[in-house]
Amino acid sequence: MRIASIDILRALTMLLMIWVNDFWTLKEVPKWLTHASATEDYMGFSDIIFPLFLFIVGLSIPFAIKNRLDKGDSRTTITKHILIRSLSLLLIGLFMVNWETAYSDGIPGGKSVWGLLMALAVGLIWMNWKRSPVPKKWHLPIQVVGFCILLYLAGIYKGGSNGELWFTTQWWGILGLIGWAYLFNALIYLYSKGNLWFMIFVWLILNLLAALNFSDFAIESQGFMGLLSTIYTGTIPAFTTAGILATLLFMKIPKKKSNYVLWILLILGTVNIFFGLATRDIWGISKIQGTPSWLSICTGIGFILFMLFYYIGDIKKQVSWAKFIAPAGTATLTCYMLPYFIYPMREISGIHLPELLTTSWLGLLISFLFALFIVGLTGVFEKKGFSLKL
């Protein structure tokens, strides 16, 4: 079962994520589009994209688990699937983080070759080979080669300003944070059997933890507890729990009363945004710090956007306008990974756009066209049977 609004919202968010992730290649980008710094009480457009994606992960969880249960999968089997997906996201995120801080002079071939091999290994391991034209006998050997490449890359890695760092957990990266949020929420949802009231309770607890993290009761992130800090600090998994609640409202309330759900989402969105703005003087609005005010504002935006897209896509059935970006919603990981092939190849080849095409509004336009190109390329690969799947 696929919900048009979820696929469209995911596709649009991924398109925008590729766009804002490309801002580092540009000059004179307007401040309101960029990420705020760690010390700013401010939220730029880029600071909304990641939490929106976490929200969409939550939107998908109830339908994904329901589909597996309907096919006859046991909860044990689904748990194994959740664990494998989560560990995969953590592993890929870990390699991406280390690539960002790699010391090029200390790595054979340099940082760009290391990054290109990383992207290649991810493709070899997590390609959905069963749907590809590649013969079955080659599937496992190809994946083994991919794992060997990752081991090699971890072994030769040098990071930091002078190559003083080994391959290590610095932070989990975007995909790693998604992995933690997915792991926590999917397991909670699965074993609570999708109980709406219990998920509301979990959401409230996570918001409370987010607030406590900015109080004298904050838990120190040391040792083993540090590894779990993404969960017990509340902010990251709370976005995903909110997405689950939005979906559950449609699943629990009869379809003929879906207009009531739209109003509930609008009210939830408005209240969250108002709360975030009202508490700005207490915590400030900061993505990097993960403040409760930022959490509330972005959660509210998620509720309202889902309401709008559900009305447009699932009630009014207006989906043709989003057809071109559809691959970003159905082959999302493929879409996310493709730039990690292109950036290293650009550096290795030395081919760069003229400065005029990477500056100000013209640069933003070219960058957006690049994002559209990535989505189109994802569609081409998907049609030929090549797409990544966790």
Protein backbone atom coordinates (compact mmCIF):
# COMPACT_ATOMS: atom_id res chain seq x y z
CA MET A 1 0.00 0.00 0.00
CA ARG A 2 1.42 3.38 -1.04
CA ILE A 3 0.06 6.75 0.02
CA ALA A 4 0.51 9.32 -2.73
CA SER A 5 1.04 12.22 -0.33
CA ILE A 6 3.87 10.44 1.49
CA ASP A 7 5.71 9.60 -1.73
CA ILE A 8 5.29 13.14 -3.06
CA LEU A 9 6.37 14.76 0.19
CA ARG A 10 9.38 12.42 0.41
CA ALA A 11 10.34 13.12 -3.21
CA LEU A 12 10.08 16.89 -2.77
CA THR A 13 12.05 16.77 0.48
CA MET A 14 14.80 14.68 -1.11
CA LEU A 15 14.99 17.07 -4.06
CA LEU A 16 15.41 19.99 -1.67
CA MET A 17 17.92 18.03 0.43
CA ILE A 18 20.15 17.47 -2.61
CA TRP A 19 19.81 21.16 -3.44
CA VAL A 20 20.75 22.50 0.00
CA ASN A 21 23.53 19.89 0.33
CA ASP A 22 25.06 21.45 -2.79
CA PHE A 23 25.26 24.93 -1.27
CA TRP A 24 28.84 24.27 -0.15
CA THR A 25 29.88 24.51 -3.80
CA LEU A 26 28.34 27.98 -4.18
CA LYS A 27 29.22 31.54 -3.23
CA GLU A 28 27.00 34.38 -1.99
CA VAL A 29 24.07 32.17 -1.01
CA PRO A 30 21.40 34.27 0.79
CA LYS A 31 21.55 33.75 4.54
CA TRP A 32 17.88 32.76 4.85
CA LEU A 33 18.56 29.70 2.69
CA THR A 34 21.58 28.42 4.60
CA HIS A 35 22.07 26.51 7.85
CA ALA A 36 22.38 28.62 10.98
CA SER A 37 25.63 28.30 12.91
CA ALA A 38 25.79 26.54 16.28
CA THR A 39 25.73 29.82 18.21
CA GLU A 40 22.89 31.51 16.32
CA ASP A 41 19.31 31.82 17.54
CA TYR A 42 18.05 31.41 14.01
CA MET A 43 16.60 28.92 11.55
CA GLY A 44 17.31 29.01 7.83
CA PHE A 45 15.45 27.15 5.10
CA SER A 46 18.12 24.42 5.11
CA ASP A 47 17.44 23.75 8.80
CA ILE A 48 13.91 22.55 7.99
CA ILE A 49 14.77 19.85 5.43
CA PHE A 50 16.35 17.18 7.66
CA PRO A 51 13.65 17.21 10.37
CA LEU A 52 11.02 17.05 7.65
CA PHE A 53 12.68 13.90 6.30
CA LEU A 54 12.68 12.38 9.81
CA PHE A 55 8.96 13.19 10.00
CA ILE A 56 8.39 11.42 6.68
CA VAL A 57 10.24 8.34 7.95
CA GLY A 58 7.60 8.22 10.67
CA LEU A 59 4.77 8.63 8.16
CA SER A 60 5.98 5.50 6.36
CA ILE A 61 6.54 3.19 9.36
CA PRO A 62 2.89 2.19 10.05
CA PHE A 63 2.24 1.32 6.40
CA ALA A 64 5.52 -0.55 6.01
CA ILE A 65 4.92 -2.69 9.09
CA LYS A 66 1.27 -3.28 8.19
CA ASN A 67 2.28 -4.49 4.73
CA ARG A 68 4.76 -6.97 6.23
CA LEU A 69 2.25 -8.25 8.77
CA ASP A 70 -0.35 -8.64 6.02
CA LYS A 71 2.14 -10.75 4.05
CA GLY A 72 2.46 -13.08 7.02
CA ASP A 73 5.80 -11.93 8.43
CA SER A 74 6.20 -12.57 12.16
CA ARG A 75 7.22 -9.81 14.54
CA THR A 76 10.56 -11.55 14.98
CA THR A 77 11.18 -11.43 11.22
CA ILE A 78 10.17 -7.77 11.08
CA THR A 79 12.46 -7.02 14.04
CA LYS A 80 15.41 -8.53 12.17
CA HIS A 81 14.55 -6.40 9.15
CA ILE A 82 14.40 -3.26 11.31
CA LEU A 83 17.75 -4.05 12.92
CA ILE A 84 19.45 -4.69 9.57
CA ARG A 85 18.08 -1.48 8.04
CA SER A 86 19.11 0.55 11.08
CA LEU A 87 22.63 -0.89 11.23
CA SER A 88 23.01 -0.28 7.50
CA LEU A 89 22.06 3.38 7.91
CA LEU A 90 24.46 3.74 10.85
CA LEU A 91 27.31 2.16 8.90
CA ILE A 92 26.81 4.28 5.78
CA GLY A 93 26.42 7.41 7.91
CA LEU A 94 29.65 6.61 9.75
CA PHE A 95 31.64 6.33 6.51
CA MET A 96 30.13 9.57 5.18
CA VAL A 97 31.10 11.46 8.34
CA ASN A 98 34.68 10.21 8.15
CA TRP A 99 34.87 11.16 4.48
CA GLU A 100 33.94 14.74 5.37
CA THR A 101 36.91 15.03 7.77
CA ALA A 102 39.42 12.95 5.80
CA TYR A 103 43.03 14.16 5.59
CA SER A 104 43.69 13.87 1.88
CA ASP A 105 47.50 13.84 2.03
CA GLY A 106 47.49 10.90 4.45
CA ILE A 107 45.29 8.61 2.35
CA PRO A 108 46.49 6.65 -0.70
CA GLY A 109 44.84 8.28 -3.69
CA GLY A 110 43.57 11.18 -1.60
CA LYS A 111 40.21 12.09 -0.13
CA SER A 112 38.34 12.10 -3.45
CA VAL A 113 39.36 8.55 -4.39
CA TRP A 114 38.47 7.42 -0.86
CA GLY A 115 35.02 9.01 -1.20
CA LEU A 116 34.42 7.54 -4.64
CA LEU A 117 35.32 4.04 -3.41
CA MET A 118 33.01 4.53 -0.44
CA ALA A 119 30.09 5.38 -2.72
CA LEU A 120 30.95 2.42 -4.95
CA ALA A 121 31.01 0.05 -1.96
CA VAL A 122 27.61 1.30 -0.78
CA GLY A 123 26.24 0.69 -4.25
CA LEU A 124 27.68 -2.82 -4.44
CA ILE A 125 26.38 -3.84 -1.00
CA TRP A 126 22.93 -2.25 -0.89
CA MET A 127 21.89 -2.51 -4.52
CA ASN A 128 18.58 -4.35 -4.86
CA TRP A 129 20.23 -7.00 -6.98
CA LYS A 130 17.13 -9.23 -7.01
CA ARG A 131 15.37 -6.72 -9.27
CA SER A 132 18.43 -6.01 -11.39
CA PRO A 133 19.35 -7.73 -14.68
CA VAL A 134 22.53 -9.11 -13.04
CA PRO A 135 22.46 -12.96 -12.75
CA LYS A 136 21.75 -14.29 -9.25
CA LYS A 137 25.08 -16.12 -9.00
CA TRP A 138 26.90 -12.78 -8.91
CA HIS A 139 24.81 -11.10 -6.20
CA LEU A 140 26.62 -12.37 -3.11
CA PRO A 141 30.16 -12.09 -4.59
CA ILE A 142 29.47 -8.47 -5.57
CA GLN A 143 28.27 -7.66 -2.04
CA VAL A 144 31.35 -9.34 -0.54
CA VAL A 145 33.57 -7.15 -2.73
CA GLY A 146 31.67 -4.12 -1.43
CA PHE A 147 32.30 -5.08 2.20
CA CYS A 148 35.98 -5.70 1.45
CA ILE A 149 36.24 -2.19 0.00
CA LEU A 150 34.72 -0.71 3.17
CA LEU A 151 37.17 -2.64 5.35
CA TYR A 152 40.06 -1.41 3.19
CA LEU A 153 38.85 2.19 3.41
CA ALA A 154 38.52 2.01 7.19
CA GLY A 155 42.04 0.56 7.42
CA ILE A 156 43.77 3.25 5.35
CA TYR A 157 41.79 6.15 6.76
CA LYS A 158 43.46 9.24 8.19
CA GLY A 159 41.43 12.23 9.33
CA GLY A 160 41.71 15.58 11.04
CA SER A 161 43.85 18.59 10.17
CA ASN A 162 47.09 16.58 10.09
CA GLY A 163 45.99 12.98 9.72
CA GLU A 164 45.98 12.42 13.47
CA LEU A 165 42.56 10.71 13.54
CA TRP A 166 41.75 7.10 12.73
CA PHE A 167 38.40 5.92 11.41
CA THR A 168 36.05 6.57 14.31
CA THR A 169 32.59 7.67 15.43
CA GLN A 170 32.63 11.47 15.36
CA TRP A 171 28.89 11.78 14.98
CA TRP A 172 26.48 9.55 13.14
CA GLY A 173 25.85 11.69 10.09
CA ILE A 174 22.47 12.36 8.52
CA LEU A 175 21.82 8.73 7.60
CA GLY A 176 23.02 7.53 10.99
CA LEU A 177 20.64 9.84 12.82
CA ILE A 178 17.83 8.60 10.59
CA GLY A 179 18.91 5.06 11.50
CA TRP A 180 18.61 5.74 15.25
CA ALA A 181 15.22 7.44 14.85
CA TYR A 182 13.94 4.61 12.66
CA LEU A 183 15.25 1.88 14.99
CA PHE A 184 13.63 3.36 18.10
CA ASN A 185 10.31 4.23 16.51
CA ALA A 186 9.86 1.13 14.37
CA LEU A 187 10.45 -1.19 17.33
CA ILE A 188 8.20 0.84 19.64
CA TYR A 189 5.46 0.89 17.00
CA LEU A 190 5.81 -2.82 16.22
CA TYR A 191 5.61 -4.06 19.80
CA SER A 192 2.95 -1.57 20.91
CA LYS A 193 0.91 -2.91 17.97
CA GLY A 194 0.36 0.59 16.65
CA ASN A 195 -1.54 1.78 19.72
CA LEU A 196 -2.34 5.45 19.08
CA TRP A 197 -2.47 6.47 22.74
CA PHE A 198 0.81 4.77 23.54
CA MET A 199 2.53 6.50 20.62
CA ILE A 200 1.13 9.85 21.84
CA PHE A 201 2.65 9.07 25.24
CA VAL A 202 6.03 8.25 23.62
CA TRP A 203 5.93 11.49 21.63
CA LEU A 204 5.23 13.55 24.76
CA ILE A 205 8.06 11.79 26.64
CA LEU A 206 10.51 12.50 23.81
CA ASN A 207 9.53 16.17 23.81
CA LEU A 208 10.00 16.22 27.58
CA LEU A 209 13.45 14.65 27.21
CA ALA A 210 14.33 17.30 24.64
CA ALA A 211 13.45 19.97 27.17
CA LEU A 212 15.29 18.22 30.02
CA ASN A 213 18.39 18.07 27.82
CA PHE A 214 18.56 21.85 28.19
CA SER A 215 18.11 21.79 31.95
CA ASP A 216 20.05 20.76 35.05
CA PHE A 217 18.64 17.24 34.59
CA ALA A 218 20.45 16.57 31.31
CA ILE A 219 22.05 13.13 31.03
CA GLU A 220 25.81 13.18 30.50
CA SER A 221 26.79 11.70 27.13
CA GLN A 222 29.73 9.52 28.15
CA GLY A 223 30.79 5.95 27.35
CA PHE A 224 28.02 3.61 26.25
CA MET A 225 25.38 6.22 27.07
CA GLY A 226 27.02 8.52 24.58
CA LEU A 227 26.23 6.06 21.80
CA LEU A 228 22.54 6.26 22.71
CA SER A 229 22.44 10.03 23.11
CA THR A 230 20.52 10.46 19.85
CA ILE A 231 17.59 8.65 21.48
CA TYR A 232 17.56 9.87 25.07
CA THR A 233 18.04 13.51 24.16
CA GLY A 234 14.64 13.19 22.51
CA THR A 235 14.79 15.63 19.62
CA ILE A 236 15.72 13.40 16.67
CA PRO A 237 13.35 10.47 17.37
CA ALA A 238 10.53 12.90 18.29
CA PHE A 239 10.26 14.07 14.68
CA THR A 240 9.74 10.48 13.53
CA THR A 241 7.23 9.73 16.29
CA ALA A 242 5.23 12.77 15.20
CA GLY A 243 5.12 11.35 11.68
CA ILE A 244 3.80 8.04 13.02
CA LEU A 245 1.05 9.90 14.88
CA ALA A 246 0.03 11.74 11.71
CA THR A 247 -0.34 8.46 9.83
CA LEU A 248 -2.10 6.73 12.72
CA LEU A 249 -4.78 9.42 12.75
CA PHE A 250 -5.72 8.47 9.19
CA MET A 251 -5.49 4.74 9.95
CA LYS A 252 -7.62 4.88 13.12
CA ILE A 253 -10.27 7.39 12.05
CA PRO A 254 -12.74 6.21 9.33
CA LYS A 255 -11.91 7.42 5.85
CA LYS A 256 -15.25 9.19 5.50
CA LYS A 257 -14.16 11.43 8.38
CA SER A 258 -10.75 12.25 6.91
CA ASN A 259 -11.64 15.95 6.92
CA TYR A 260 -11.56 15.78 10.73
CA VAL A 261 -8.00 14.45 10.55
CA LEU A 262 -6.98 17.35 8.33
CA TRP A 263 -8.27 19.76 10.93
CA ILE A 264 -6.51 17.88 13.72
CA LEU A 265 -3.22 18.06 11.81
CA LEU A 266 -3.72 21.76 11.17
CA ILE A 267 -4.35 22.38 14.87
CA LEU A 268 -1.36 20.24 15.92
CA GLY A 269 0.85 22.05 13.45
CA THR A 270 -0.29 25.48 14.55
CA VAL A 271 0.09 24.69 18.26
CA ASN A 272 3.60 23.28 17.75
CA ILE A 273 4.75 26.29 15.74
CA PHE A 274 3.27 28.69 18.30
CA PHE A 275 4.91 26.79 21.17
CA GLY A 276 8.29 26.86 19.42
CA LEU A 277 8.08 30.61 18.83
CA ALA A 278 6.77 31.28 22.35
CA THR A 279 9.68 29.40 23.97
CA ARG A 280 12.36 30.93 21.77
CA ASP A 281 13.52 33.20 24.61
CA ILE A 282 14.04 30.13 26.79
CA TRP A 283 15.93 27.77 24.48
CA GLY A 284 16.55 29.62 21.25
CA ILE A 285 15.98 28.15 17.81
CA SER A 286 18.94 26.03 16.74
CA LYS A 287 19.22 22.94 14.59
CA ILE A 288 22.81 22.15 15.59
CA GLN A 289 21.97 22.36 19.29
CA GLY A 290 18.67 20.53 18.69
CA THR A 291 16.66 22.92 20.84
CA PRO A 292 13.06 22.14 21.84
CA SER A 293 11.90 25.32 20.07
CA TRP A 294 13.43 24.13 16.78
CA LEU A 295 11.85 20.71 17.36
CA SER A 296 8.39 22.21 17.87
CA ILE A 297 8.52 24.58 14.91
CA CYS A 298 9.75 21.92 12.46
CA THR A 299 7.27 19.36 13.80
CA GLY A 300 4.47 21.85 13.25
CA ILE A 301 5.65 22.43 9.69
CA GLY A 302 5.62 18.65 9.16
CA PHE A 303 2.02 18.30 10.37
CA ILE A 304 0.78 21.14 8.18
CA LEU A 305 2.68 20.05 5.05
CA PHE A 306 1.39 16.49 5.38
CA MET A 307 -2.15 17.85 5.75
CA LEU A 308 -1.75 19.90 2.56
CA PHE A 309 -0.19 17.12 0.51
CA TYR A 310 -2.73 14.54 1.72
CA TYR A 311 -5.52 16.87 0.62
CA ILE A 312 -3.88 17.48 -2.76
CA GLY A 313 -2.60 13.97 -3.51
CA ASP A 314 -4.96 11.55 -1.76
CA ILE A 315 -8.24 13.42 -1.59
CA LYS A 316 -8.13 15.53 -4.76
CA LYS A 317 -5.91 12.98 -6.60
CA GLN A 318 -3.73 15.73 -8.09
CA VAL A 319 -0.47 13.85 -8.50
CA SER A 320 0.57 14.32 -12.13
CA TRP A 321 2.50 17.51 -11.30
CA ALA A 322 4.91 15.48 -9.15
CA LYS A 323 5.55 12.74 -11.72
CA PHE A 324 9.01 13.99 -12.71
CA ILE A 325 10.34 13.98 -9.14
CA ALA A 326 8.68 10.65 -8.28
CA PRO A 327 11.97 8.64 -8.38
CA ALA A 328 13.22 10.66 -5.42
CA GLY A 329 10.27 9.31 -3.43
CA THR A 330 10.51 5.66 -4.51
CA ALA A 331 14.30 5.24 -4.85
CA THR A 332 15.29 7.68 -2.13
CA LEU A 333 18.62 6.14 -1.07
CA THR A 334 19.77 5.93 -4.69
CA CYS A 335 18.93 9.60 -5.14
CA TYR A 336 20.78 10.54 -1.96
CA MET A 337 23.92 8.58 -2.89
CA LEU A 338 24.38 9.71 -6.50
CA PRO A 339 26.01 13.07 -5.61
CA TYR A 340 28.61 11.12 -3.61
CA PHE A 341 29.78 9.67 -6.93
CA ILE A 342 29.68 12.98 -8.75
CA TYR A 343 31.51 15.18 -6.22
CA PRO A 344 34.65 12.99 -6.00
CA MET A 345 34.73 12.47 -9.78
CA ARG A 346 34.56 16.24 -10.24
CA GLU A 347 37.51 16.76 -7.91
CA ILE A 348 39.54 13.96 -9.51
CA SER A 349 38.91 15.28 -13.03
CA GLY A 350 39.48 18.90 -12.04
CA ILE A 351 36.39 19.96 -14.00
CA HIS A 352 34.62 22.88 -12.33
CA LEU A 353 31.97 25.33 -13.44
CA PRO A 354 33.01 28.96 -14.06
CA GLU A 355 32.67 31.15 -10.96
CA LEU A 356 29.78 33.07 -12.57
CA LEU A 357 27.68 29.86 -12.58
CA THR A 358 28.34 29.14 -8.91
CA THR A 359 27.59 32.58 -7.48
CA SER A 360 24.43 34.12 -6.02
CA TRP A 361 21.05 33.47 -7.66
CA LEU A 362 22.50 32.08 -10.89
CA GLY A 363 24.51 29.60 -8.85
CA LEU A 364 21.37 28.63 -6.92
CA LEU A 365 19.52 28.03 -10.19
CA ILE A 366 22.32 25.86 -11.58
CA SER A 367 22.45 23.99 -8.27
CA PHE A 368 18.69 23.35 -8.38
CA LEU A 369 19.00 22.08 -11.96
CA PHE A 370 21.73 19.75 -10.67
CA ALA A 371 19.29 18.42 -8.07
CA LEU A 372 16.68 17.84 -10.78
CA PHE A 373 19.33 16.06 -12.86
CA ILE A 374 20.09 13.73 -9.94
CA VAL A 375 16.39 12.90 -9.59
CA GLY A 376 16.09 12.25 -13.33
CA LEU A 377 19.20 10.06 -13.28
CA THR A 378 17.73 8.12 -10.36
CA GLY A 379 14.65 7.46 -12.49
CA VAL A 380 16.77 6.17 -15.36
CA PHE A 381 18.63 3.73 -13.09
CA GLU A 382 15.39 2.65 -11.44
CA LYS A 383 13.78 1.81 -14.79
CA LYS A 384 16.81 -0.30 -15.70
CA GLY A 385 16.51 -2.22 -12.42
CA PHE A 386 19.27 -0.53 -10.46
CA SER A 387 18.23 1.04 -7.17
CA LEU A 388 19.51 0.83 -3.63
CA LYS A 389 17.45 -0.82 -0.92
CA LEU A 390 18.14 -1.34 2.77
